[in-house]
Structures are given as structure tokens and as C-alpha cells.
Amino acid sequence: AVPDVPPPSTPAEDPDDELEWEEWDGKGSFVHHCVAGSIAGIAEHTLMYPFDNVKTHMQCNHCPGQAVCKSAKPPPPTTLMSTLRSIMQHPPSTSTPSSSSSSSASPLRLWRGVHTMFLGCVPAHALYFSTFELSKRALAVDEPGHHPMAAGAAGAASTFFHDSVMAPMDTIKQRLQLGYYTGIRHCVTSMLQGEGPVSLYRSFPTTLAMNVPYGFVMVAANESLKKAINPDGGFSIATSMAAGCGAGGLAAAVTTPLDVVKTRLQTQELFGSVAVGRPRERGAR
């Protein structure tokens, strides 16, 4: 008689085992995980950059000297589509008169300053992921049981180091979006000479006050919406997308007032500029 051979065992699949790209599962290279996260961050910022540009112009609606606003009568437009058209139709304020008069509408102006995201995303995401994993290990977040306070502390620590890189890059980005300066080097040099090093981190406390609750609301809402939409708990791309959209919208609605404050702080020294492309000197009124 031929002995019975048991079929090969296969590991049981956990229906709740979903892909969370921001968390390292311990498998594979952590460096690869950081690189993949950085690439994802660059792709996200690049694709959504035109909307971020429009948001900056709408939040900084009355900025004397910027190309879109300096000669606008009636006051600058505040709707999404009209602001979008204005950005494309007006060249940067650093352009020469001849180039300004002969230039035509260009969609590429919506990406003015996007290279700041290329420079900031890689170190910021590397700091975020490495700090998050080190904090989870130090605070025993992954140990059996429920550790919400430890997880929150790990998230807060990683957000702090992430924003320590992105806050100055975001300040440079918004000033370039508004049409000031010829590039990153010109912007940084002018800010350091005219406003001092503090100008790069003037909005850092507000950025932290915005991003920490943003992450809390988004994660909590995302988990709640996924359970409400799909009570079975199985992985579904449609469910993840719907929950993510709802959670992101809710988190943005909660933190938009602080985002407006952040934009005003990052661009406040541009108000009253005596020369386009050069911020006023400290103490000027």
C-alpha cells in the first residue's frame, strides 16, 4: 500500500493583513523601505503640486508685489479656477519687463518651486521612517497588547524630525510659488541676509501644531471609515481609497485654519517689499 502523503501545509492568510506602506513589517531591507517611501512622497507632492500652488495663492491673497496680485483691480481672485488661470497667465515677478510682456500662459508655472520637494522629501522621509521604527522599538509599541500612548509618542517624534526638514523647504517653496526670487539659492541667501536664520523656521511650531492633529484625525477617521464601509475587514482597494479620501478631507477641514496661519507666517516678510524679489529689511514697517 502506498502510504498517505499529507498535502503541503500553507500558511494561513490573515484577512486583516493589509499593506501599510508607511510601516515596515521587518521583512526585506529597511533602506529599501525608506527609499520607496521617499519616492512615493516625491510622486505625491509632484502630482498634487498645482493644487498646492493654488492653495498658497488663495491663503496669501493680498501679497503686495507678487505677480498675480500687484496690479490686480478688483482685488485678486479667490476661486480655484480663477486663481489657477491667473497663475498660468502671469509670469514670475522676477522676470524682466520684456519677457513678461511677451510671455503667454504656461501650465508649467503651476510647478514653480517644485524642485524644493525633490530636495526635501528624501531626507525628511528617511528621518520619519528611521525615527518611527527606532521609537517603536524603544517604546515597545510592537509588543503584545494595546499601546496607544506609546504609538502616539513614536508618531510625534517622527513628525518632529520630518517637519524639521520640511518646514524650511516649505517656506522656500511658498515664496517661489508666489513669484519671488530666481531659485532656491537666491531665496535662502536673501532670507538669511534680510530676515535671519529664524525666518526659515518661523512657522515650525505652527507646522507641528497642524501636522500632529492632522495625522491623528486622519488615521482615526481612516480606520473608522474602513470598518464602517467594509465590516468584514477584508482588504479592498475601493474601500481603502474611499476611506482615505474621507479621512484626508476631514483632517484637512480640521487643520486648514492652522495651514492659513502657517502660510501667512512663512510669507509675512514679503508684505511691503520695496523691491520685487527682495524682502524688506528686518524692523521695516
C-alpha atoms as a PDB file:
ATOM      1  CA  ALA A   1       0.000   0.000   0.000  1.00  0.00           C
ATOM      2  CA  VAL A   2       1.129   3.460  -0.816  1.00  0.00           C
ATOM      3  CA  PRO A   3       1.334   5.494   2.363  1.00  0.00           C
ATOM      4  CA  ASP A   4      -0.800   8.584   2.506  1.00  0.00           C
ATOM      5  CA  VAL A   5       1.253  11.720   1.984  1.00  0.00           C
ATOM      6  CA  PRO A   6      -0.231  14.749   3.651  1.00  0.00           C
ATOM      7  CA  PRO A   7      -0.591  17.771   1.383  1.00  0.00           C
ATOM      8  CA  PRO A   8       1.964  20.534   1.862  1.00  0.00           C
ATOM      9  CA  SER A   9       0.925  22.942   4.503  1.00  0.00           C
ATOM     10  CA  THR A  10       0.360  26.531   3.518  1.00  0.00           C
ATOM     11  CA  PRO A  11       0.440  29.440   5.910  1.00  0.00           C
ATOM     12  CA  ALA A  12      -2.972  30.688   6.886  1.00  0.00           C
ATOM     13  CA  GLU A  13      -3.854  34.001   5.358  1.00  0.00           C
ATOM     14  CA  ASP A  14      -4.949  36.706   7.677  1.00  0.00           C
ATOM     15  CA  PRO A  15      -7.806  38.696   6.157  1.00  0.00           C
ATOM     16  CA  ASP A  16      -6.755  41.679   8.232  1.00  0.00           C
ATOM     17  CA  ASP A  17      -3.187  41.585   6.903  1.00  0.00           C
ATOM     18  CA  GLU A  18      -3.273  44.711   4.788  1.00  0.00           C
ATOM     19  CA  LEU A  19      -0.491  46.570   3.084  1.00  0.00           C
ATOM     20  CA  GLU A  20       0.568  49.611   5.078  1.00  0.00           C
ATOM     21  CA  TRP A  21       3.330  51.294   3.102  1.00  0.00           C
ATOM     22  CA  GLU A  22       4.295  53.659   5.923  1.00  0.00           C
ATOM     23  CA  GLU A  23       5.048  50.793   8.321  1.00  0.00           C
ATOM     24  CA  TRP A  24       7.981  48.435   7.982  1.00  0.00           C
ATOM     25  CA  ASP A  25       6.961  44.816   8.551  1.00  0.00           C
ATOM     26  CA  GLY A  26      10.510  43.753   9.354  1.00  0.00           C
ATOM     27  CA  LYS A  27      10.857  41.865   6.090  1.00  0.00           C
ATOM     28  CA  GLY A  28      13.325  42.975   3.473  1.00  0.00           C
ATOM     29  CA  SER A  29      15.707  45.909   3.629  1.00  0.00           C
ATOM     30  CA  PHE A  30      14.836  48.893   5.777  1.00  0.00           C
ATOM     31  CA  VAL A  31      16.884  51.084   3.416  1.00  0.00           C
ATOM     32  CA  HIS A  32      14.689  49.930   0.528  1.00  0.00           C
ATOM     33  CA  HIS A  33      11.640  50.775   2.639  1.00  0.00           C
ATOM     34  CA  CYS A  34      12.937  54.324   3.221  1.00  0.00           C
ATOM     35  CA  VAL A  35      13.820  54.794  -0.455  1.00  0.00           C
ATOM     36  CA  ALA A  36      10.396  53.554  -1.565  1.00  0.00           C
ATOM     37  CA  GLY A  37       8.694  55.887   0.889  1.00  0.00           C
ATOM     38  CA  SER A  38      10.771  58.826  -0.348  1.00  0.00           C
ATOM     39  CA  ILE A  39       9.886  58.070  -3.975  1.00  0.00           C
ATOM     40  CA  ALA A  40       6.213  57.826  -3.023  1.00  0.00           C
ATOM     41  CA  GLY A  41       6.444  61.177  -1.242  1.00  0.00           C
ATOM     42  CA  ILE A  42       8.083  62.851  -4.251  1.00  0.00           C
ATOM     43  CA  ALA A  43       5.411  61.435  -6.569  1.00  0.00           C
ATOM     44  CA  GLU A  44       2.642  62.616  -4.245  1.00  0.00           C
ATOM     45  CA  HIS A  45       3.999  66.170  -3.942  1.00  0.00           C
ATOM     46  CA  THR A  46       4.731  66.451  -7.658  1.00  0.00           C
ATOM     47  CA  LEU A  47       1.298  65.291  -8.814  1.00  0.00           C
ATOM     48  CA  MET A  48      -0.574  67.460  -6.317  1.00  0.00           C
ATOM     49  CA  TYR A  49       1.757  70.465  -6.610  1.00  0.00           C
ATOM     50  CA  PRO A  50      -0.534  72.598  -8.848  1.00  0.00           C
ATOM     51  CA  PHE A  51      -3.294  72.409  -6.222  1.00  0.00           C
ATOM     52  CA  ASP A  52      -0.781  73.258  -3.506  1.00  0.00           C
ATOM     53  CA  ASN A  53       0.304  76.267  -5.570  1.00  0.00           C
ATOM     54  CA  VAL A  54      -3.289  77.449  -5.894  1.00  0.00           C
ATOM     55  CA  LYS A  55      -3.802  76.955  -2.157  1.00  0.00           C
ATOM     56  CA  THR A  56      -0.780  79.118  -1.373  1.00  0.00           C
ATOM     57  CA  HIS A  57      -2.059  81.958  -3.584  1.00  0.00           C
ATOM     58  CA  MET A  58      -5.546  81.775  -2.081  1.00  0.00           C
ATOM     59  CA  GLN A  59      -4.225  81.747   1.502  1.00  0.00           C
ATOM     60  CA  CYS A  60      -1.823  84.607   0.781  1.00  0.00           C
ATOM     61  CA  ASN A  61      -4.399  86.551  -1.155  1.00  0.00           C
ATOM     62  CA  HIS A  62      -3.104  90.110  -0.658  1.00  0.00           C
ATOM     63  CA  CYS A  63       0.669  89.947  -1.048  1.00  0.00           C
ATOM     64  CA  PRO A  64       1.935  93.288  -2.437  1.00  0.00           C
ATOM     65  CA  GLY A  65       4.492  92.824  -5.169  1.00  0.00           C
ATOM     66  CA  GLN A  66       3.676  89.317  -6.300  1.00  0.00           C
ATOM     67  CA  ALA A  67       2.968  88.928  -9.989  1.00  0.00           C
ATOM     68  CA  VAL A  68      -0.616  87.769  -9.607  1.00  0.00           C
ATOM     69  CA  CYS A  69      -1.619  90.456  -7.117  1.00  0.00           C
ATOM     70  CA  LYS A  70       0.494  93.570  -7.557  1.00  0.00           C
ATOM     71  CA  SER A  71      -1.660  95.292 -10.185  1.00  0.00           C
ATOM     72  CA  ALA A  72      -4.925  93.403  -9.886  1.00  0.00           C
ATOM     73  CA  LYS A  73      -8.078  95.532  -9.799  1.00  0.00           C
ATOM     74  CA  PRO A  74     -10.546  94.464  -8.490  1.00  0.00           C
ATOM     75  CA  PRO A  75      -8.867  92.502  -5.667  1.00  0.00           C
ATOM     76  CA  PRO A  76      -7.166  89.199  -6.568  1.00  0.00           C
ATOM     77  CA  PRO A  77      -9.446  86.265  -7.409  1.00  0.00           C
ATOM     78  CA  THR A  78     -10.220  83.802  -4.681  1.00  0.00           C
ATOM     79  CA  THR A  79     -11.878  80.924  -6.532  1.00  0.00           C
ATOM     80  CA  LEU A  80      -9.913  77.845  -7.507  1.00  0.00           C
ATOM     81  CA  MET A  81     -10.333  78.134 -11.269  1.00  0.00           C
ATOM     82  CA  SER A  82      -9.734  81.891 -11.475  1.00  0.00           C
ATOM     83  CA  THR A  83      -6.609  81.603  -9.323  1.00  0.00           C
ATOM     84  CA  LEU A  84      -5.436  78.701 -11.483  1.00  0.00           C
ATOM     85  CA  ARG A  85      -5.807  80.835 -14.620  1.00  0.00           C
ATOM     86  CA  SER A  86      -4.089  83.814 -13.007  1.00  0.00           C
ATOM     87  CA  ILE A  87      -1.020  81.758 -12.055  1.00  0.00           C
ATOM     88  CA  MET A  88      -0.657  80.439 -15.600  1.00  0.00           C
ATOM     89  CA  GLN A  89      -1.176  83.860 -17.219  1.00  0.00           C
ATOM     90  CA  HIS A  90       1.225  85.863 -15.034  1.00  0.00           C
ATOM     91  CA  PRO A  91       4.986  85.268 -15.216  1.00  0.00           C
ATOM     92  CA  PRO A  92       7.070  85.311 -12.008  1.00  0.00           C
ATOM     93  CA  SER A  93       7.750  88.760 -10.605  1.00  0.00           C
ATOM     94  CA  THR A  94      11.480  88.153 -11.112  1.00  0.00           C
ATOM     95  CA  SER A  95      11.038  88.189 -14.906  1.00  0.00           C
ATOM     96  CA  THR A  96      12.298  91.111 -16.914  1.00  0.00           C
ATOM     97  CA  PRO A  97       9.723  93.524 -18.428  1.00  0.00           C
ATOM     98  CA  SER A  98      10.429  92.316 -21.948  1.00  0.00           C
ATOM     99  CA  SER A  99       9.965  88.675 -21.049  1.00  0.00           C
ATOM    100  CA  SER A 100       6.834  89.470 -19.046  1.00  0.00           C
ATOM    101  CA  SER A 101       5.146  91.298 -21.885  1.00  0.00           C
ATOM    102  CA  SER A 102       5.925  88.663 -24.488  1.00  0.00           C
ATOM    103  CA  SER A 103       5.216  85.564 -22.431  1.00  0.00           C
ATOM    104  CA  SER A 104       1.998  83.639 -22.830  1.00  0.00           C
ATOM    105  CA  ALA A 105       0.052  81.418 -20.474  1.00  0.00           C
ATOM    106  CA  SER A 106       2.024  78.349 -19.458  1.00  0.00           C
ATOM    107  CA  PRO A 107       0.829  75.423 -17.342  1.00  0.00           C
ATOM    108  CA  LEU A 108       4.462  74.897 -16.239  1.00  0.00           C
ATOM    109  CA  ARG A 109       4.098  77.906 -13.930  1.00  0.00           C
ATOM    110  CA  LEU A 110       1.901  75.735 -11.731  1.00  0.00           C
ATOM    111  CA  TRP A 111       5.048  73.757 -10.868  1.00  0.00           C
ATOM    112  CA  ARG A 112       7.227  76.741  -9.997  1.00  0.00           C
ATOM    113  CA  GLY A 113       9.340  75.737  -6.983  1.00  0.00           C
ATOM    114  CA  VAL A 114       8.583  72.009  -7.209  1.00  0.00           C
ATOM    115  CA  HIS A 115      12.295  71.186  -7.023  1.00  0.00           C
ATOM    116  CA  THR A 116      12.197  72.103  -3.339  1.00  0.00           C
ATOM    117  CA  MET A 117      10.136  68.953  -2.807  1.00  0.00           C
ATOM    118  CA  PHE A 118      12.764  66.839  -4.574  1.00  0.00           C
ATOM    119  CA  LEU A 119      15.404  68.123  -2.163  1.00  0.00           C
ATOM    120  CA  GLY A 120      13.253  67.910   0.959  1.00  0.00           C
ATOM    121  CA  CYS A 121      11.312  64.668   0.599  1.00  0.00           C
ATOM    122  CA  VAL A 122      14.248  62.240   0.631  1.00  0.00           C
ATOM    123  CA  PRO A 123      15.889  63.356   3.931  1.00  0.00           C
ATOM    124  CA  ALA A 124      12.516  64.141   5.532  1.00  0.00           C
ATOM    125  CA  HIS A 125      11.052  60.699   4.799  1.00  0.00           C
ATOM    126  CA  ALA A 126      14.298  58.961   5.772  1.00  0.00           C
ATOM    127  CA  LEU A 127      14.183  60.737   9.143  1.00  0.00           C
ATOM    128  CA  TYR A 128      10.490  59.957   9.522  1.00  0.00           C
ATOM    129  CA  PHE A 129      10.790  56.218   8.894  1.00  0.00           C
ATOM    130  CA  SER A 130      14.009  55.711  10.847  1.00  0.00           C
ATOM    131  CA  THR A 131      12.773  57.710  13.855  1.00  0.00           C
ATOM    132  CA  PHE A 132       9.409  55.932  13.778  1.00  0.00           C
ATOM    133  CA  GLU A 133      10.966  52.460  13.779  1.00  0.00           C
ATOM    134  CA  LEU A 134      13.568  53.311  16.426  1.00  0.00           C
ATOM    135  CA  SER A 135      10.893  54.886  18.627  1.00  0.00           C
ATOM    136  CA  LYS A 136       8.584  51.890  18.257  1.00  0.00           C
ATOM    137  CA  ARG A 137      11.412  49.581  19.296  1.00  0.00           C
ATOM    138  CA  ALA A 138      12.422  51.765  22.254  1.00  0.00           C
ATOM    139  CA  LEU A 139       8.830  52.182  23.458  1.00  0.00           C
ATOM    140  CA  ALA A 140       7.861  48.529  22.813  1.00  0.00           C
ATOM    141  CA  VAL A 141       4.990  49.528  20.540  1.00  0.00           C
ATOM    142  CA  ASP A 142       5.023  46.175  18.740  1.00  0.00           C
ATOM    143  CA  GLU A 143       4.848  44.120  21.934  1.00  0.00           C
ATOM    144  CA  PRO A 144       1.633  42.154  22.573  1.00  0.00           C
ATOM    145  CA  GLY A 145      -1.190  44.311  23.817  1.00  0.00           C
ATOM    146  CA  HIS A 146      -2.576  47.743  23.033  1.00  0.00           C
ATOM    147  CA  HIS A 147      -0.165  50.676  23.409  1.00  0.00           C
ATOM    148  CA  PRO A 148      -1.855  53.815  22.051  1.00  0.00           C
ATOM    149  CA  MET A 149       0.221  56.266  24.093  1.00  0.00           C
ATOM    150  CA  ALA A 150       3.499  54.684  23.025  1.00  0.00           C
ATOM    151  CA  ALA A 151       2.383  54.618  19.394  1.00  0.00           C
ATOM    152  CA  GLY A 152       1.361  58.266  19.639  1.00  0.00           C
ATOM    153  CA  ALA A 153       4.726  59.203  21.116  1.00  0.00           C
ATOM    154  CA  ALA A 154       6.517  57.393  18.286  1.00  0.00           C
ATOM    155  CA  GLY A 155       4.386  59.218  15.744  1.00  0.00           C
ATOM    156  CA  ALA A 156       5.002  62.590  17.406  1.00  0.00           C
ATOM    157  CA  ALA A 157       8.770  62.032  17.456  1.00  0.00           C
ATOM    158  CA  SER A 158       8.876  61.030  13.795  1.00  0.00           C
ATOM    159  CA  THR A 159       6.694  64.019  12.835  1.00  0.00           C
ATOM    160  CA  PHE A 160       9.048  66.378  14.670  1.00  0.00           C
ATOM    161  CA  PHE A 161      12.113  65.239  12.735  1.00  0.00           C
ATOM    162  CA  HIS A 162      10.202  65.096   9.439  1.00  0.00           C
ATOM    163  CA  ASP A 163       8.947  68.656   9.851  1.00  0.00           C
ATOM    164  CA  SER A 164      12.390  69.899  10.950  1.00  0.00           C
ATOM    165  CA  VAL A 165      13.463  69.294   7.341  1.00  0.00           C
ATOM    166  CA  MET A 166      10.224  70.128   5.528  1.00  0.00           C
ATOM    167  CA  ALA A 167       9.388  73.386   7.380  1.00  0.00           C
ATOM    168  CA  PRO A 168      12.212  75.464   5.853  1.00  0.00           C
ATOM    169  CA  MET A 169      11.752  73.802   2.461  1.00  0.00           C
ATOM    170  CA  ASP A 170       8.036  74.616   2.603  1.00  0.00           C
ATOM    171  CA  THR A 171       8.841  78.264   3.358  1.00  0.00           C
ATOM    172  CA  ILE A 172      11.140  78.442   0.325  1.00  0.00           C
ATOM    173  CA  LYS A 173       8.551  76.628  -1.785  1.00  0.00           C
ATOM    174  CA  GLN A 174       5.751  79.045  -0.963  1.00  0.00           C
ATOM    175  CA  ARG A 175       7.867  82.110  -1.676  1.00  0.00           C
ATOM    176  CA  LEU A 176       8.844  80.679  -5.048  1.00  0.00           C
ATOM    177  CA  GLN A 177       5.198  79.840  -5.750  1.00  0.00           C
ATOM    178  CA  LEU A 178       4.257  83.480  -5.161  1.00  0.00           C
ATOM    179  CA  GLY A 179       6.746  84.569  -7.827  1.00  0.00           C
ATOM    180  CA  TYR A 180       9.620  85.812  -5.687  1.00  0.00           C
ATOM    181  CA  TYR A 181      13.313  85.010  -6.202  1.00  0.00           C
ATOM    182  CA  THR A 182      15.073  83.319  -9.090  1.00  0.00           C
ATOM    183  CA  GLY A 183      15.645  79.994  -7.337  1.00  0.00           C
ATOM    184  CA  ILE A 184      16.396  78.191  -4.080  1.00  0.00           C
ATOM    185  CA  ARG A 185      19.868  79.680  -3.594  1.00  0.00           C
ATOM    186  CA  HIS A 186      18.639  83.224  -4.225  1.00  0.00           C
ATOM    187  CA  CYS A 187      15.751  82.704  -1.816  1.00  0.00           C
ATOM    188  CA  VAL A 188      17.866  81.255   1.012  1.00  0.00           C
ATOM    189  CA  THR A 189      20.591  83.886   0.626  1.00  0.00           C
ATOM    190  CA  SER A 190      18.087  86.748   0.613  1.00  0.00           C
ATOM    191  CA  MET A 191      16.206  85.394   3.633  1.00  0.00           C
ATOM    192  CA  LEU A 192      19.371  84.868   5.671  1.00  0.00           C
ATOM    193  CA  GLN A 193      20.683  88.334   4.855  1.00  0.00           C
ATOM    194  CA  GLY A 194      17.431  90.226   5.250  1.00  0.00           C
ATOM    195  CA  GLU A 195      15.496  88.258   7.883  1.00  0.00           C
ATOM    196  CA  GLY A 196      17.997  86.000   9.625  1.00  0.00           C
ATOM    197  CA  PRO A 197      18.071  82.198  10.082  1.00  0.00           C
ATOM    198  CA  VAL A 198      14.887  82.303  12.180  1.00  0.00           C
ATOM    199  CA  SER A 199      12.910  83.096   9.026  1.00  0.00           C
ATOM    200  CA  LEU A 200      13.364  79.523   7.811  1.00  0.00           C
ATOM    201  CA  TYR A 201      11.795  78.109  10.992  1.00  0.00           C
ATOM    202  CA  ARG A 202       9.328  80.872  11.863  1.00  0.00           C
ATOM    203  CA  SER A 203       6.360  78.584  11.141  1.00  0.00           C
ATOM    204  CA  PHE A 204       7.843  75.432  12.715  1.00  0.00           C
ATOM    205  CA  PRO A 205       5.697  75.491  15.903  1.00  0.00           C
ATOM    206  CA  THR A 206       2.557  76.090  13.827  1.00  0.00           C
ATOM    207  CA  THR A 207       3.565  73.320  11.429  1.00  0.00           C
ATOM    208  CA  LEU A 208       3.869  70.861  14.318  1.00  0.00           C
ATOM    209  CA  ALA A 209       0.593  72.080  15.828  1.00  0.00           C
ATOM    210  CA  MET A 210      -1.045  71.384  12.465  1.00  0.00           C
ATOM    211  CA  ASN A 211       0.585  68.101  11.405  1.00  0.00           C
ATOM    212  CA  VAL A 212       0.281  66.206  14.699  1.00  0.00           C
ATOM    213  CA  PRO A 213      -3.541  66.564  14.940  1.00  0.00           C
ATOM    214  CA  TYR A 214      -3.779  66.104  11.166  1.00  0.00           C
ATOM    215  CA  GLY A 215      -2.128  62.695  11.433  1.00  0.00           C
ATOM    216  CA  PHE A 216      -4.230  61.762  14.469  1.00  0.00           C
ATOM    217  CA  VAL A 217      -7.533  62.701  12.821  1.00  0.00           C
ATOM    218  CA  MET A 218      -6.634  61.090   9.513  1.00  0.00           C
ATOM    219  CA  VAL A 219      -5.545  57.756  11.000  1.00  0.00           C
ATOM    220  CA  ALA A 220      -8.516  57.572  13.376  1.00  0.00           C
ATOM    221  CA  ALA A 221     -11.023  58.528  10.675  1.00  0.00           C
ATOM    222  CA  ASN A 222      -9.442  56.177   8.150  1.00  0.00           C
ATOM    223  CA  GLU A 223      -9.725  53.174  10.458  1.00  0.00           C
ATOM    224  CA  SER A 224     -13.300  54.058  11.436  1.00  0.00           C
ATOM    225  CA  LEU A 225     -14.419  54.575   7.828  1.00  0.00           C
ATOM    226  CA  LYS A 226     -12.851  51.298   6.694  1.00  0.00           C
ATOM    227  CA  LYS A 227     -14.763  49.407   9.371  1.00  0.00           C
ATOM    228  CA  ALA A 228     -17.989  51.241   8.527  1.00  0.00           C
ATOM    229  CA  ILE A 229     -17.675  50.663   4.773  1.00  0.00           C
ATOM    230  CA  ASN A 230     -16.393  47.112   4.986  1.00  0.00           C
ATOM    231  CA  PRO A 231     -17.391  45.492   8.305  1.00  0.00           C
ATOM    232  CA  ASP A 232     -15.919  42.129   7.226  1.00  0.00           C
ATOM    233  CA  GLY A 233     -12.439  43.601   7.455  1.00  0.00           C
ATOM    234  CA  GLY A 234     -11.178  42.121   4.193  1.00  0.00           C
ATOM    235  CA  PHE A 235      -8.712  44.099   2.111  1.00  0.00           C
ATOM    236  CA  SER A 236     -10.321  46.112  -0.669  1.00  0.00           C
ATOM    237  CA  ILE A 237      -8.695  48.802  -2.807  1.00  0.00           C
ATOM    238  CA  ALA A 238     -12.047  50.552  -3.284  1.00  0.00           C
ATOM    239  CA  THR A 239     -12.612  50.605   0.479  1.00  0.00           C
ATOM    240  CA  SER A 240      -9.116  51.913   1.145  1.00  0.00           C
ATOM    241  CA  MET A 241      -9.499  54.673  -1.434  1.00  0.00           C
ATOM    242  CA  ALA A 242     -12.927  55.736  -0.189  1.00  0.00           C
ATOM    243  CA  ALA A 243     -11.822  55.721   3.449  1.00  0.00           C
ATOM    244  CA  GLY A 244      -8.605  57.540   2.622  1.00  0.00           C
ATOM    245  CA  CYS A 245     -10.438  60.274   0.721  1.00  0.00           C
ATOM    246  CA  GLY A 246     -12.917  60.789   3.518  1.00  0.00           C
ATOM    247  CA  ALA A 247     -10.241  60.753   6.223  1.00  0.00           C
ATOM    248  CA  GLY A 248      -7.994  63.149   4.311  1.00  0.00           C
ATOM    249  CA  GLY A 249     -10.855  65.550   3.681  1.00  0.00           C
ATOM    250  CA  LEU A 250     -11.883  65.539   7.333  1.00  0.00           C
ATOM    251  CA  ALA A 251      -8.323  66.036   8.570  1.00  0.00           C
ATOM    252  CA  ALA A 252      -7.776  68.875   6.101  1.00  0.00           C
ATOM    253  CA  ALA A 253     -11.004  70.588   7.179  1.00  0.00           C
ATOM    254  CA  VAL A 254      -9.919  70.449  10.821  1.00  0.00           C
ATOM    255  CA  THR A 255      -6.406  71.798  10.235  1.00  0.00           C
ATOM    256  CA  THR A 256      -6.919  74.295   7.371  1.00  0.00           C
ATOM    257  CA  PRO A 257      -7.120  77.336   9.726  1.00  0.00           C
ATOM    258  CA  LEU A 258      -3.651  76.482  11.044  1.00  0.00           C
ATOM    259  CA  ASP A 259      -2.466  75.952   7.490  1.00  0.00           C
ATOM    260  CA  VAL A 260      -3.538  79.506   6.646  1.00  0.00           C
ATOM    261  CA  VAL A 261      -1.637  80.786   9.698  1.00  0.00           C
ATOM    262  CA  LYS A 262       1.432  78.842   8.582  1.00  0.00           C
ATOM    263  CA  THR A 263       1.312  80.364   5.100  1.00  0.00           C
ATOM    264  CA  ARG A 264       0.967  83.901   6.491  1.00  0.00           C
ATOM    265  CA  LEU A 265       3.922  83.322   8.846  1.00  0.00           C
ATOM    266  CA  GLN A 266       6.104  81.964   6.058  1.00  0.00           C
ATOM    267  CA  THR A 267       5.343  84.884   3.732  1.00  0.00           C
ATOM    268  CA  GLN A 268       4.837  87.766   6.181  1.00  0.00           C
ATOM    269  CA  GLU A 269       8.199  89.425   5.478  1.00  0.00           C
ATOM    270  CA  LEU A 270       7.204  89.715   1.822  1.00  0.00           C
ATOM    271  CA  PHE A 271       4.494  92.232   2.722  1.00  0.00           C
ATOM    272  CA  GLY A 272       5.590  95.739   1.969  1.00  0.00           C
ATOM    273  CA  SER A 273       8.625  94.692  -0.087  1.00  0.00           C
ATOM    274  CA  VAL A 274      10.283  97.743  -1.583  1.00  0.00           C
ATOM    275  CA  ALA A 275      11.742  95.721  -4.454  1.00  0.00           C
ATOM    276  CA  VAL A 276      10.306  92.687  -6.135  1.00  0.00           C
ATOM    277  CA  GLY A 277      12.318  89.573  -5.348  1.00  0.00           C
ATOM    278  CA  ARG A 278      13.908  91.170  -2.250  1.00  0.00           C
ATOM    279  CA  PRO A 279      12.129  91.037   1.131  1.00  0.00           C
ATOM    280  CA  ARG A 280      12.064  94.071   3.357  1.00  0.00           C
ATOM    281  CA  GLU A 281      14.752  94.550   5.958  1.00  0.00           C
ATOM    282  CA  ARG A 282      14.030  93.447   9.493  1.00  0.00           C
ATOM    283  CA  GLY A 283      12.357  96.165  11.513  1.00  0.00           C
ATOM    284  CA  ALA A 284      10.851  97.895   8.474  1.00  0.00           C
ATOM    285  CA  ARG A 285       7.192  98.820   8.740  1.00  0.00           C
END
